[in-house]
PDB file of N, CA and C in Angstrom:
ATOM      1  N   ASN A   1      47.856  47.697 -29.149  1.00  0.00           N
ATOM      2  CA  ASN A   1      47.446  48.397 -27.940  1.00  0.00           C
ATOM      3  C   ASN A   1      48.565  48.295 -26.898  1.00  0.00           C
ATOM      4  N   LEU A   2      49.089  49.424 -26.492  1.00  0.00           N
ATOM      5  CA  LEU A   2      50.202  49.442 -25.535  1.00  0.00           C
ATOM      6  C   LEU A   2      49.850  48.811 -24.197  1.00  0.00           C
ATOM      7  N   LYS A   3      48.582  48.934 -23.784  1.00  0.00           N
ATOM      8  CA  LYS A   3      48.175  48.381 -22.495  1.00  0.00           C
ATOM      9  C   LYS A   3      48.315  46.855 -22.438  1.00  0.00           C
ATOM     10  N   ASP A   4      48.121  46.214 -23.579  1.00  0.00           N
ATOM     11  CA  ASP A   4      48.135  44.753 -23.628  1.00  0.00           C
ATOM     12  C   ASP A   4      49.533  44.175 -23.887  1.00  0.00           C
ATOM     13  N   MET A   5      50.515  45.045 -24.094  1.00  0.00           N
ATOM     14  CA  MET A   5      51.866  44.572 -24.405  1.00  0.00           C
ATOM     15  C   MET A   5      52.622  44.210 -23.129  1.00  0.00           C
ATOM     16  N   THR A   6      53.519  43.241 -23.266  1.00  0.00           N
ATOM     17  CA  THR A   6      54.421  42.948 -22.162  1.00  0.00           C
ATOM     18  C   THR A   6      55.483  44.040 -22.117  1.00  0.00           C
ATOM     19  N   TRP A   7      56.216  44.115 -21.020  1.00  0.00           N
ATOM     20  CA  TRP A   7      57.276  45.114 -20.914  1.00  0.00           C
ATOM     21  C   TRP A   7      58.337  44.874 -21.983  1.00  0.00           C
ATOM     22  N   ARG A   8      58.660  43.610 -22.212  1.00  0.00           N
ATOM     23  CA  ARG A   8      59.702  43.340 -23.213  1.00  0.00           C
ATOM     24  C   ARG A   8      59.245  43.760 -24.607  1.00  0.00           C
ATOM     25  N   GLU A   9      57.951  43.620 -24.899  1.00  0.00           N
ATOM     26  CA  GLU A   9      57.436  44.077 -26.190  1.00  0.00           C
ATOM     27  C   GLU A   9      57.526  45.602 -26.304  1.00  0.00           C
ATOM     28  N   LYS A  10      57.204  46.305 -25.228  1.00  0.00           N
ATOM     29  CA  LYS A  10      57.263  47.765 -25.244  1.00  0.00           C
ATOM     30  C   LYS A  10      58.674  48.270 -25.510  1.00  0.00           C
ATOM     31  N   TYR A  11      59.666  47.517 -25.045  1.00  0.00           N
ATOM     32  CA  TYR A  11      61.056  47.937 -25.207  1.00  0.00           C
ATOM     33  C   TYR A  11      61.785  47.165 -26.314  1.00  0.00           C
ATOM     34  N   ASP A  12      61.035  46.426 -27.125  1.00  0.00           N
ATOM     35  CA  ASP A  12      61.605  45.642 -28.234  1.00  0.00           C
ATOM     36  C   ASP A  12      62.724  44.705 -27.773  1.00  0.00           C
ATOM     37  N   LEU A  13      62.518  44.058 -26.643  1.00  0.00           N
ATOM     38  CA  LEU A  13      63.513  43.124 -26.118  1.00  0.00           C
ATOM     39  C   LEU A  13      63.134  41.699 -26.487  1.00  0.00           C
ATOM     40  N   ILE A  14      64.116  40.907 -26.834  1.00  0.00           N
ATOM     41  CA  ILE A  14      63.917  39.488 -27.099  1.00  0.00           C
ATOM     42  C   ILE A  14      64.615  38.713 -25.983  1.00  0.00           C
ATOM     43  N   PHE A  15      63.889  37.830 -25.319  1.00  0.00           N
ATOM     44  CA  PHE A  15      64.459  36.950 -24.294  1.00  0.00           C
ATOM     45  C   PHE A  15      64.660  35.586 -24.937  1.00  0.00           C
ATOM     46  N   GLU A  16      65.852  35.021 -24.789  1.00  0.00           N
ATOM     47  CA  GLU A  16      66.141  33.705 -25.356  1.00  0.00           C
ATOM     48  C   GLU A  16      66.762  32.793 -24.318  1.00  0.00           C
ATOM     49  N   LYS A  17      66.420  31.532 -24.449  1.00  0.00           N
ATOM     50  CA  LYS A  17      66.982  30.482 -23.603  1.00  0.00           C
ATOM     51  C   LYS A  17      67.678  29.500 -24.538  1.00  0.00           C
ATOM     52  N   GLN A  18      68.962  29.225 -24.249  1.00  0.00           N
ATOM     53  CA  GLN A  18      69.730  28.337 -25.116  1.00  0.00           C
ATOM     54  C   GLN A  18      70.390  27.251 -24.284  1.00  0.00           C
ATOM     55  N   GLY A  19      70.592  26.102 -24.908  1.00  0.00           N
ATOM     56  CA  GLY A  19      71.244  24.989 -24.227  1.00  0.00           C
ATOM     57  C   GLY A  19      70.221  24.021 -23.659  1.00  0.00           C
ATOM     58  N   TYR A  20      70.731  23.096 -22.840  1.00  0.00           N
ATOM     59  CA  TYR A  20      69.847  22.096 -22.232  1.00  0.00           C
ATOM     60  C   TYR A  20      70.502  21.560 -20.972  1.00  0.00           C
ATOM     61  N   GLY A  21      69.684  20.895 -20.149  1.00  0.00           N
ATOM     62  CA  GLY A  21      70.194  20.322 -18.901  1.00  0.00           C
ATOM     63  C   GLY A  21      70.756  21.389 -17.984  1.00  0.00           C
ATOM     64  N   ASP A  22      71.975  21.168 -17.503  1.00  0.00           N
ATOM     65  CA  ASP A  22      72.629  22.117 -16.600  1.00  0.00           C
ATOM     66  C   ASP A  22      73.332  23.246 -17.355  1.00  0.00           C
ATOM     67  N   ASN A  23      73.333  23.192 -18.664  1.00  0.00           N
ATOM     68  CA  ASN A  23      74.046  24.184 -19.476  1.00  0.00           C
ATOM     69  C   ASN A  23      73.097  25.171 -20.148  1.00  0.00           C
ATOM     70  N   ILE A  24      72.191  25.725 -19.361  1.00  0.00           N
ATOM     71  CA  ILE A  24      71.229  26.689 -19.899  1.00  0.00           C
ATOM     72  C   ILE A  24      71.812  28.093 -19.781  1.00  0.00           C
ATOM     73  N   GLU A  25      71.731  28.854 -20.858  1.00  0.00           N
ATOM     74  CA  GLU A  25      72.133  30.256 -20.835  1.00  0.00           C
ATOM     75  C   GLU A  25      70.951  31.097 -21.290  1.00  0.00           C
ATOM     76  N   PHE A  26      70.793  32.229 -20.631  1.00  0.00           N
ATOM     77  CA  PHE A  26      69.718  33.148 -20.983  1.00  0.00           C
ATOM     78  C   PHE A  26      70.325  34.370 -21.654  1.00  0.00           C
ATOM     79  N   SER A  27      69.655  34.844 -22.677  1.00  0.00           N
ATOM     80  CA  SER A  27      70.161  35.991 -23.408  1.00  0.00           C
ATOM     81  C   SER A  27      69.035  36.993 -23.619  1.00  0.00           C
ATOM     82  N   CYS A  28      69.420  38.242 -23.712  1.00  0.00           N
ATOM     83  CA  CYS A  28      68.468  39.304 -23.986  1.00  0.00           C
ATOM     84  C   CYS A  28      69.121  40.227 -25.002  1.00  0.00           C
ATOM     85  N   TYR A  29      68.387  40.579 -26.037  1.00  0.00           N
ATOM     86  CA  TYR A  29      68.924  41.503 -27.022  1.00  0.00           C
ATOM     87  C   TYR A  29      67.794  42.353 -27.597  1.00  0.00           C
ATOM     88  N   ARG A  30      68.175  43.352 -28.354  1.00  0.00           N
ATOM     89  CA  ARG A  30      67.222  44.275 -28.949  1.00  0.00           C
ATOM     90  C   ARG A  30      66.753  43.738 -30.290  1.00  0.00           C
ATOM     91  N   LEU A  31      65.503  43.929 -30.574  1.00  0.00           N
ATOM     92  CA  LEU A  31      64.932  43.410 -31.815  1.00  0.00           C
ATOM     93  C   LEU A  31      65.308  44.250 -33.031  1.00  0.00           C
ATOM     94  N   ASN A  32      64.977  45.523 -33.026  1.00  0.00           N
ATOM     95  CA  ASN A  32      65.083  46.310 -34.254  1.00  0.00           C
ATOM     96  C   ASN A  32      66.141  47.396 -34.273  1.00  0.00           C
ATOM     97  N   ASN A  33      66.375  48.016 -33.152  1.00  0.00           N
ATOM     98  CA  ASN A  33      67.267  49.172 -33.188  1.00  0.00           C
ATOM     99  C   ASN A  33      68.163  49.172 -31.960  1.00  0.00           C
ATOM    100  N   ILE A  34      69.031  50.157 -31.887  1.00  0.00           N
ATOM    101  CA  ILE A  34      69.988  50.162 -30.789  1.00  0.00           C
ATOM    102  C   ILE A  34      69.483  50.903 -29.559  1.00  0.00           C
ATOM    103  N   GLN A  35      68.316  51.525 -29.660  1.00  0.00           N
ATOM    104  CA  GLN A  35      67.771  52.169 -28.469  1.00  0.00           C
ATOM    105  C   GLN A  35      67.574  51.103 -27.391  1.00  0.00           C
ATOM    106  N   HIS A  36      67.970  51.395 -26.208  1.00  0.00           N
ATOM    107  CA  HIS A  36      67.899  50.486 -25.058  1.00  0.00           C
ATOM    108  C   HIS A  36      68.814  49.272 -25.208  1.00  0.00           C
ATOM    109  N   TYR A  37      69.821  49.382 -26.059  1.00  0.00           N
ATOM    110  CA  TYR A  37      70.813  48.312 -26.164  1.00  0.00           C
ATOM    111  C   TYR A  37      71.462  48.058 -24.806  1.00  0.00           C
ATOM    112  N   ASN A  38      71.753  49.133 -24.082  1.00  0.00           N
ATOM    113  CA  ASN A  38      72.428  48.998 -22.797  1.00  0.00           C
ATOM    114  C   ASN A  38      71.567  48.243 -21.790  1.00  0.00           C
ATOM    115  N   LEU A  39      70.269  48.456 -21.843  1.00  0.00           N
ATOM    116  CA  LEU A  39      69.352  47.720 -20.975  1.00  0.00           C
ATOM    117  C   LEU A  39      69.457  46.223 -21.246  1.00  0.00           C
ATOM    118  N   ALA A  40      69.405  45.837 -22.500  1.00  0.00           N
ATOM    119  CA  ALA A  40      69.504  44.423 -22.867  1.00  0.00           C
ATOM    120  C   ALA A  40      70.837  43.842 -22.412  1.00  0.00           C
ATOM    121  N   ALA A  41      71.906  44.606 -22.591  1.00  0.00           N
ATOM    122  CA  ALA A  41      73.238  44.135 -22.186  1.00  0.00           C
ATOM    123  C   ALA A  41      73.308  43.922 -20.685  1.00  0.00           C
ATOM    124  N   LYS A  42      72.699  44.798 -19.899  1.00  0.00           N
ATOM    125  CA  LYS A  42      72.732  44.648 -18.437  1.00  0.00           C
ATOM    126  C   LYS A  42      71.935  43.427 -17.994  1.00  0.00           C
ATOM    127  N   LEU A  43      70.788  43.195 -18.608  1.00  0.00           N
ATOM    128  CA  LEU A  43      69.999  42.023 -18.231  1.00  0.00           C
ATOM    129  C   LEU A  43      70.799  40.745 -18.459  1.00  0.00           C
ATOM    130  N   ARG A  44      71.563  40.701 -19.554  1.00  0.00           N
ATOM    131  CA  ARG A  44      72.394  39.514 -19.826  1.00  0.00           C
ATOM    132  C   ARG A  44      73.427  39.301 -18.725  1.00  0.00           C
ATOM    133  N   LEU A  45      73.933  40.388 -18.159  1.00  0.00           N
ATOM    134  CA  LEU A  45      74.995  40.293 -17.145  1.00  0.00           C
ATOM    135  C   LEU A  45      74.475  39.956 -15.757  1.00  0.00           C
ATOM    136  N   MET A  46      73.245  40.351 -15.467  1.00  0.00           N
ATOM    137  CA  MET A  46      72.747  40.272 -14.092  1.00  0.00           C
ATOM    138  C   MET A  46      72.192  38.895 -13.735  1.00  0.00           C
ATOM    139  N   HIS A  47      72.532  38.443 -12.545  1.00  0.00           N
ATOM    140  CA  HIS A  47      71.960  37.222 -11.976  1.00  0.00           C
ATOM    141  C   HIS A  47      70.530  37.528 -11.531  1.00  0.00           C
ATOM    142  N   ARG A  48      69.702  36.514 -11.501  1.00  0.00           N
ATOM    143  CA  ARG A  48      68.303  36.685 -11.085  1.00  0.00           C
ATOM    144  C   ARG A  48      68.195  37.376  -9.726  1.00  0.00           C
ATOM    145  N   LEU A  49      69.064  37.002  -8.769  1.00  0.00           N
ATOM    146  CA  LEU A  49      69.009  37.611  -7.440  1.00  0.00           C
ATOM    147  C   LEU A  49      69.339  39.102  -7.496  1.00  0.00           C
ATOM    148  N   GLU A  50      70.239  39.483  -8.396  1.00  0.00           N
ATOM    149  CA  GLU A  50      70.558  40.906  -8.558  1.00  0.00           C
ATOM    150  C   GLU A  50      69.352  41.667  -9.102  1.00  0.00           C
ATOM    151  N   CYS A  51      68.653  41.048 -10.030  1.00  0.00           N
ATOM    152  CA  CYS A  51      67.447  41.676 -10.584  1.00  0.00           C
ATOM    153  C   CYS A  51      66.405  41.881  -9.486  1.00  0.00           C
ATOM    154  N   GLU A  52      66.221  40.859  -8.662  1.00  0.00           N
ATOM    155  CA  GLU A  52      65.254  40.962  -7.571  1.00  0.00           C
ATOM    156  C   GLU A  52      65.673  42.042  -6.576  1.00  0.00           C
ATOM    157  N   TYR A  53      66.971  42.129  -6.306  1.00  0.00           N
ATOM    158  CA  TYR A  53      67.459  43.148  -5.385  1.00  0.00           C
ATOM    159  C   TYR A  53      67.307  44.548  -5.980  1.00  0.00           C
ATOM    160  N   LEU A  54      67.556  44.695  -7.274  1.00  0.00           N
ATOM    161  CA  LEU A  54      67.397  45.999  -7.913  1.00  0.00           C
ATOM    162  C   LEU A  54      65.939  46.456  -7.826  1.00  0.00           C
ATOM    163  N   ILE A  55      64.996  45.531  -7.944  1.00  0.00           N
ATOM    164  CA  ILE A  55      63.581  45.879  -7.761  1.00  0.00           C
ATOM    165  C   ILE A  55      63.369  46.439  -6.355  1.00  0.00           C
ATOM    166  N   GLU A  56      63.977  45.795  -5.346  1.00  0.00           N
ATOM    167  CA  GLU A  56      63.858  46.272  -3.961  1.00  0.00           C
ATOM    168  C   GLU A  56      64.454  47.668  -3.803  1.00  0.00           C
ATOM    169  N   VAL A  57      65.585  47.913  -4.446  1.00  0.00           N
ATOM    170  CA  VAL A  57      66.231  49.228  -4.381  1.00  0.00           C
ATOM    171  C   VAL A  57      65.328  50.291  -5.011  1.00  0.00           C
ATOM    172  N   ILE A  58      64.725  49.967  -6.144  1.00  0.00           N
ATOM    173  CA  ILE A  58      63.816  50.910  -6.808  1.00  0.00           C
ATOM    174  C   ILE A  58      62.625  51.221  -5.903  1.00  0.00           C
ATOM    175  N   ILE A  59      62.071  50.188  -5.267  1.00  0.00           N
ATOM    176  CA  ILE A  59      60.932  50.401  -4.359  1.00  0.00           C
ATOM    177  C   ILE A  59      61.347  51.296  -3.187  1.00  0.00           C
ATOM    178  N   ALA A  60      62.544  51.085  -2.660  1.00  0.00           N
ATOM    179  CA  ALA A  60      63.037  51.938  -1.571  1.00  0.00           C
ATOM    180  C   ALA A  60      63.120  53.392  -2.044  1.00  0.00           C
ATOM    181  N   ALA A  61      63.633  53.603  -3.245  1.00  0.00           N
ATOM    182  CA  ALA A  61      63.735  54.968  -3.785  1.00  0.00           C
ATOM    183  C   ALA A  61      62.349  55.580  -3.974  1.00  0.00           C
ATOM    184  N   GLU A  62      61.399  54.775  -4.438  1.00  0.00           N
ATOM    185  CA  GLU A  62      60.025  55.268  -4.630  1.00  0.00           C
ATOM    186  C   GLU A  62      59.399  55.686  -3.299  1.00  0.00           C
ATOM    187  N   ASN A  63      59.776  54.974  -2.241  1.00  0.00           N
ATOM    188  CA  ASN A  63      59.204  55.229  -0.921  1.00  0.00           C
ATOM    189  C   ASN A  63      60.019  56.228  -0.104  1.00  0.00           C
ATOM    190  N   ASN A  64      60.954  56.898  -0.761  1.00  0.00           N
ATOM    191  CA  ASN A  64      61.832  57.862  -0.090  1.00  0.00           C
ATOM    192  C   ASN A  64      62.599  57.240   1.073  1.00  0.00           C
ATOM    193  N   GLU A  65      62.926  55.968   0.941  1.00  0.00           N
ATOM    194  CA  GLU A  65      63.764  55.276   1.926  1.00  0.00           C
ATOM    195  C   GLU A  65      65.205  55.310   1.436  1.00  0.00           C
ATOM    196  N   TYR A  66      66.127  54.856   2.281  1.00  0.00           N
ATOM    197  CA  TYR A  66      67.532  54.867   1.903  1.00  0.00           C
ATOM    198  C   TYR A  66      67.774  53.896   0.737  1.00  0.00           C
ATOM    199  N   TYR A  67      68.602  54.302  -0.200  1.00  0.00           N
ATOM    200  CA  TYR A  67      69.040  53.430  -1.293  1.00  0.00           C
ATOM    201  C   TYR A  67      70.406  53.907  -1.758  1.00  0.00           C
ATOM    202  N   GLU A  68      71.172  52.978  -2.322  1.00  0.00           N
ATOM    203  CA  GLU A  68      72.461  53.334  -2.922  1.00  0.00           C
ATOM    204  C   GLU A  68      72.196  53.904  -4.305  1.00  0.00           C
ATOM    205  N   GLU A  69      72.825  55.031  -4.624  1.00  0.00           N
ATOM    206  CA  GLU A  69      72.606  55.660  -5.930  1.00  0.00           C
ATOM    207  C   GLU A  69      73.118  54.785  -7.075  1.00  0.00           C
ATOM    208  N   TYR A  70      74.254  54.128  -6.847  1.00  0.00           N
ATOM    209  CA  TYR A  70      74.839  53.290  -7.897  1.00  0.00           C
ATOM    210  C   TYR A  70      74.660  51.822  -7.541  1.00  0.00           C
ATOM    211  N   PHE A  71      74.150  51.062  -8.497  1.00  0.00           N
ATOM    212  CA  PHE A  71      73.909  49.636  -8.308  1.00  0.00           C
ATOM    213  C   PHE A  71      75.030  48.883  -9.013  1.00  0.00           C
ATOM    214  N   ALA A  72      75.756  48.082  -8.255  1.00  0.00           N
ATOM    215  CA  ALA A  72      76.900  47.360  -8.827  1.00  0.00           C
ATOM    216  C   ALA A  72      76.484  45.960  -9.257  1.00  0.00           C
ATOM    217  N   ILE A  73      76.901  45.586 -10.449  1.00  0.00           N
ATOM    218  CA  ILE A  73      76.668  44.230 -10.952  1.00  0.00           C
ATOM    219  C   ILE A  73      77.846  43.374 -10.520  1.00  0.00           C
ATOM    220  N   ASP A  74      77.550  42.264  -9.876  1.00  0.00           N
ATOM    221  CA  ASP A  74      78.603  41.406  -9.340  1.00  0.00           C
ATOM    222  C   ASP A  74      78.883  40.235 -10.273  1.00  0.00           C
ATOM    223  N   ARG A  75      79.363  40.558 -11.465  1.00  0.00           N
ATOM    224  CA  ARG A  75      79.671  39.507 -12.428  1.00  0.00           C
ATOM    225  C   ARG A  75      81.054  39.747 -13.012  1.00  0.00           C
ATOM    226  N   ASP A  76      81.742  38.682 -13.311  1.00  0.00           N
ATOM    227  CA  ASP A  76      83.055  38.798 -13.939  1.00  0.00           C
ATOM    228  C   ASP A  76      82.963  39.518 -15.284  1.00  0.00           C
ATOM    229  N   ALA A  77      81.837  39.354 -15.956  1.00  0.00           N
ATOM    230  CA  ALA A  77      81.682  39.944 -17.282  1.00  0.00           C
ATOM    231  C   ALA A  77      81.485  41.456 -17.229  1.00  0.00           C
ATOM    232  N   ALA A  78      81.077  41.971 -16.065  1.00  0.00           N
ATOM    233  CA  ALA A  78      80.859  43.413 -15.936  1.00  0.00           C
ATOM    234  C   ALA A  78      82.206  44.129 -15.905  1.00  0.00           C
ATOM    235  N   ASN A  79      82.201  45.362 -16.372  1.00  0.00           N
ATOM    236  CA  ASN A  79      83.437  46.147 -16.331  1.00  0.00           C
ATOM    237  C   ASN A  79      83.171  47.507 -15.698  1.00  0.00           C
ATOM    238  N   ASP A  80      84.187  48.327 -15.627  1.00  0.00           N
ATOM    239  CA  ASP A  80      84.066  49.630 -14.971  1.00  0.00           C
ATOM    240  C   ASP A  80      83.076  50.559 -15.670  1.00  0.00           C
ATOM    241  N   PHE A  81      82.758  50.259 -16.918  1.00  0.00           N
ATOM    242  CA  PHE A  81      81.850  51.123 -17.663  1.00  0.00           C
ATOM    243  C   PHE A  81      80.390  50.714 -17.492  1.00  0.00           C
ATOM    244  N   ASP A  82      80.156  49.569 -16.843  1.00  0.00           N
ATOM    245  CA  ASP A  82      78.786  49.130 -16.594  1.00  0.00           C
ATOM    246  C   ASP A  82      78.234  49.924 -15.417  1.00  0.00           C
ATOM    247  N   GLU A  83      77.222  50.746 -15.707  1.00  0.00           N
ATOM    248  CA  GLU A  83      76.688  51.615 -14.661  1.00  0.00           C
ATOM    249  C   GLU A  83      75.172  51.558 -14.637  1.00  0.00           C
ATOM    250  N   ILE A  84      74.652  51.321 -13.459  1.00  0.00           N
ATOM    251  CA  ILE A  84      73.214  51.415 -13.235  1.00  0.00           C
ATOM    252  C   ILE A  84      73.044  52.416 -12.098  1.00  0.00           C
ATOM    253  N   ARG A  85      72.381  53.533 -12.400  1.00  0.00           N
ATOM    254  CA  ARG A  85      72.231  54.591 -11.406  1.00  0.00           C
ATOM    255  C   ARG A  85      70.753  54.804 -11.104  1.00  0.00           C
ATOM    256  N   ILE A  86      70.441  54.877  -9.818  1.00  0.00           N
ATOM    257  CA  ILE A  86      69.080  55.163  -9.382  1.00  0.00           C
ATOM    258  C   ILE A  86      68.953  56.682  -9.303  1.00  0.00           C
ATOM    259  N   SER A  87      68.156  57.242 -10.188  1.00  0.00           N
ATOM    260  CA  SER A  87      67.984  58.695 -10.279  1.00  0.00           C
ATOM    261  C   SER A  87      66.490  58.994 -10.355  1.00  0.00           C
ATOM    262  N   PRO A  88      65.813  58.989  -9.192  1.00  0.00           N
ATOM    263  CA  PRO A  88      64.353  59.114  -9.180  1.00  0.00           C
ATOM    264  C   PRO A  88      63.853  60.226 -10.103  1.00  0.00           C
ATOM    265  N   PRO A  89      62.814  59.899 -10.881  1.00  0.00           N
ATOM    266  CA  PRO A  89      61.988  58.676 -10.905  1.00  0.00           C
ATOM    267  C   PRO A  89      62.443  57.658 -11.950  1.00  0.00           C
ATOM    268  N   ASN A  90      63.744  57.655 -12.265  1.00  0.00           N
ATOM    269  CA  ASN A  90      64.241  56.786 -13.324  1.00  0.00           C
ATOM    270  C   ASN A  90      65.433  55.948 -12.880  1.00  0.00           C
ATOM    271  N   VAL A  91      65.694  54.925 -13.681  1.00  0.00           N
ATOM    272  CA  VAL A  91      66.943  54.174 -13.610  1.00  0.00           C
ATOM    273  C   VAL A  91      67.719  54.586 -14.864  1.00  0.00           C
ATOM    274  N   VAL A  92      68.986  54.955 -14.677  1.00  0.00           N
ATOM    275  CA  VAL A  92      69.802  55.388 -15.806  1.00  0.00           C
ATOM    276  C   VAL A  92      70.896  54.343 -16.011  1.00  0.00           C
ATOM    277  N   ILE A  93      70.946  53.787 -17.207  1.00  0.00           N
ATOM    278  CA  ILE A  93      71.900  52.729 -17.525  1.00  0.00           C
ATOM    279  C   ILE A  93      72.971  53.287 -18.450  1.00  0.00           C
ATOM    280  N   ASP A  94      74.214  53.203 -17.984  1.00  0.00           N
ATOM    281  CA  ASP A  94      75.372  53.670 -18.764  1.00  0.00           C
ATOM    282  C   ASP A  94      75.201  55.103 -19.263  1.00  0.00           C
ATOM    283  N   THR A  95      74.541  55.919 -18.505  1.00  0.00           N
ATOM    284  CA  THR A  95      74.267  57.338 -18.796  1.00  0.00           C
ATOM    285  C   THR A  95      73.429  57.572 -20.054  1.00  0.00           C
ATOM    286  N   VAL A  96      72.985  56.527 -20.749  1.00  0.00           N
ATOM    287  CA  VAL A  96      72.244  56.723 -21.998  1.00  0.00           C
ATOM    288  C   VAL A  96      70.800  56.225 -21.967  1.00  0.00           C
ATOM    289  N   ASP A  97      70.530  55.107 -21.319  1.00  0.00           N
ATOM    290  CA  ASP A  97      69.165  54.590 -21.242  1.00  0.00           C
ATOM    291  C   ASP A  97      68.507  55.125 -19.978  1.00  0.00           C
ATOM    292  N   VAL A  98      67.442  55.889 -20.149  1.00  0.00           N
ATOM    293  CA  VAL A  98      66.688  56.425 -19.020  1.00  0.00           C
ATOM    294  C   VAL A  98      65.341  55.708 -18.999  1.00  0.00           C
ATOM    295  N   ILE A  99      65.126  54.929 -17.936  1.00  0.00           N
ATOM    296  CA  ILE A  99      63.937  54.076 -17.887  1.00  0.00           C
ATOM    297  C   ILE A  99      63.158  54.381 -16.603  1.00  0.00           C
ATOM    298  N   PRO A 100      61.879  54.724 -16.728  1.00  0.00           N
ATOM    299  CA  PRO A 100      61.071  55.010 -15.540  1.00  0.00           C
ATOM    300  C   PRO A 100      61.040  53.816 -14.582  1.00  0.00           C
ATOM    301  N   PHE A 101      60.950  54.120 -13.287  1.00  0.00           N
ATOM    302  CA  PHE A 101      60.941  53.068 -12.268  1.00  0.00           C
ATOM    303  C   PHE A 101      59.929  51.966 -12.576  1.00  0.00           C
ATOM    304  N   GLU A 102      58.696  52.349 -12.899  1.00  0.00           N
ATOM    305  CA  GLU A 102      57.639  51.352 -13.119  1.00  0.00           C
ATOM    306  C   GLU A 102      58.012  50.413 -14.267  1.00  0.00           C
ATOM    307  N   ASP A 103      58.551  50.971 -15.339  1.00  0.00           N
ATOM    308  CA  ASP A 103      58.958  50.166 -16.489  1.00  0.00           C
ATOM    309  C   ASP A 103      60.098  49.218 -16.094  1.00  0.00           C
ATOM    310  N   MET A 104      61.070  49.755 -15.365  1.00  0.00           N
ATOM    311  CA  MET A 104      62.227  48.939 -14.996  1.00  0.00           C
ATOM    312  C   MET A 104      61.812  47.784 -14.103  1.00  0.00           C
ATOM    313  N   LYS A 105      60.924  48.043 -13.149  1.00  0.00           N
ATOM    314  CA  LYS A 105      60.440  46.958 -12.290  1.00  0.00           C
ATOM    315  C   LYS A 105      59.726  45.896 -13.118  1.00  0.00           C
ATOM    316  N   GLY A 106      58.933  46.330 -14.093  1.00  0.00           N
ATOM    317  CA  GLY A 106      58.224  45.391 -14.958  1.00  0.00           C
ATOM    318  C   GLY A 106      59.167  44.556 -15.797  1.00  0.00           C
ATOM    319  N   ILE A 107      60.164  45.207 -16.381  1.00  0.00           N
ATOM    320  CA  ILE A 107      61.155  44.500 -17.205  1.00  0.00           C
ATOM    321  C   ILE A 107      61.932  43.498 -16.355  1.00  0.00           C
ATOM    322  N   LEU A 108      62.398  43.941 -15.186  1.00  0.00           N
ATOM    323  CA  LEU A 108      63.161  43.042 -14.300  1.00  0.00           C
ATOM    324  C   LEU A 108      62.311  41.857 -13.858  1.00  0.00           C
ATOM    325  N   SER A 109      61.055  42.118 -13.525  1.00  0.00           N
ATOM    326  CA  SER A 109      60.161  41.024 -13.097  1.00  0.00           C
ATOM    327  C   SER A 109      59.949  40.011 -14.212  1.00  0.00           C
ATOM    328  N   GLU A 110      59.746  40.499 -15.435  1.00  0.00           N
ATOM    329  CA  GLU A 110      59.585  39.579 -16.573  1.00  0.00           C
ATOM    330  C   GLU A 110      60.850  38.760 -16.807  1.00  0.00           C
ATOM    331  N   TRP A 111      62.002  39.415 -16.695  1.00  0.00           N
ATOM    332  CA  TRP A 111      63.280  38.723 -16.891  1.00  0.00           C
ATOM    333  C   TRP A 111      63.473  37.648 -15.815  1.00  0.00           C
ATOM    334  N   VAL A 112      63.180  37.988 -14.563  1.00  0.00           N
ATOM    335  CA  VAL A 112      63.308  37.023 -13.464  1.00  0.00           C
ATOM    336  C   VAL A 112      62.407  35.821 -13.727  1.00  0.00           C
ATOM    337  N   GLU A 113      61.159  36.064 -14.099  1.00  0.00           N
ATOM    338  CA  GLU A 113      60.228  34.954 -14.375  1.00  0.00           C
ATOM    339  C   GLU A 113      60.713  34.118 -15.546  1.00  0.00           C
ATOM    340  N   PHE A 114      61.238  34.759 -16.578  1.00  0.00           N
ATOM    341  CA  PHE A 114      61.732  34.041 -17.738  1.00  0.00           C
ATOM    342  C   PHE A 114      62.907  33.134 -17.362  1.00  0.00           C
ATOM    343  N   THR A 115      63.805  33.611 -16.517  1.00  0.00           N
ATOM    344  CA  THR A 115      64.991  32.826 -16.153  1.00  0.00           C
ATOM    345  C   THR A 115      64.661  31.709 -15.157  1.00  0.00           C
ATOM    346  N   LYS A 116      63.459  31.691 -14.617  1.00  0.00           N
ATOM    347  CA  LYS A 116      63.050  30.606 -13.707  1.00  0.00           C
ATOM    348  C   LYS A 116      62.539  29.397 -14.473  1.00  0.00           C
ATOM    349  N   ARG A 117      62.220  29.566 -15.761  1.00  0.00           N
ATOM    350  CA  ARG A 117      61.628  28.472 -16.532  1.00  0.00           C
ATOM    351  C   ARG A 117      62.641  27.402 -16.865  1.00  0.00           C
TER     352      ARG A 117
END
C-alpha cells in the first residue's frame, strides 16, 4: 500500500549509517535501478542544515514567496554539474530527476531525521 510507505521506500532509497563515535558517515543510494540516482547522490552531498534550508525554499515557492531558482550545495564534494533547481511544482535534480515538492519535502525530512540518530 503506497499510503503506508515511507518516502524512501517510495523512491527505492536506502539510508545507511557507517562508522562509530565521531567518525559516523551517512550514505544514501538506490536499491534496484538508476532512476532517481541523482537524488540519492545529492542527499549524500548535502549537510543536514542544507536539507532543512531546501525545505524552507520549497515552502517559499509553494507560497508564491521569493525563492532562488537554483539551490547551491556548499560542499567540497559538489561540482559544477551538481544542480538542484526549484521549478514549481517540482524540484529538478541535474535536469533528470523531477520530484514533486511534497515528495521532496518528505524525503528531505526523513533524511534529516535519519542523520540525527
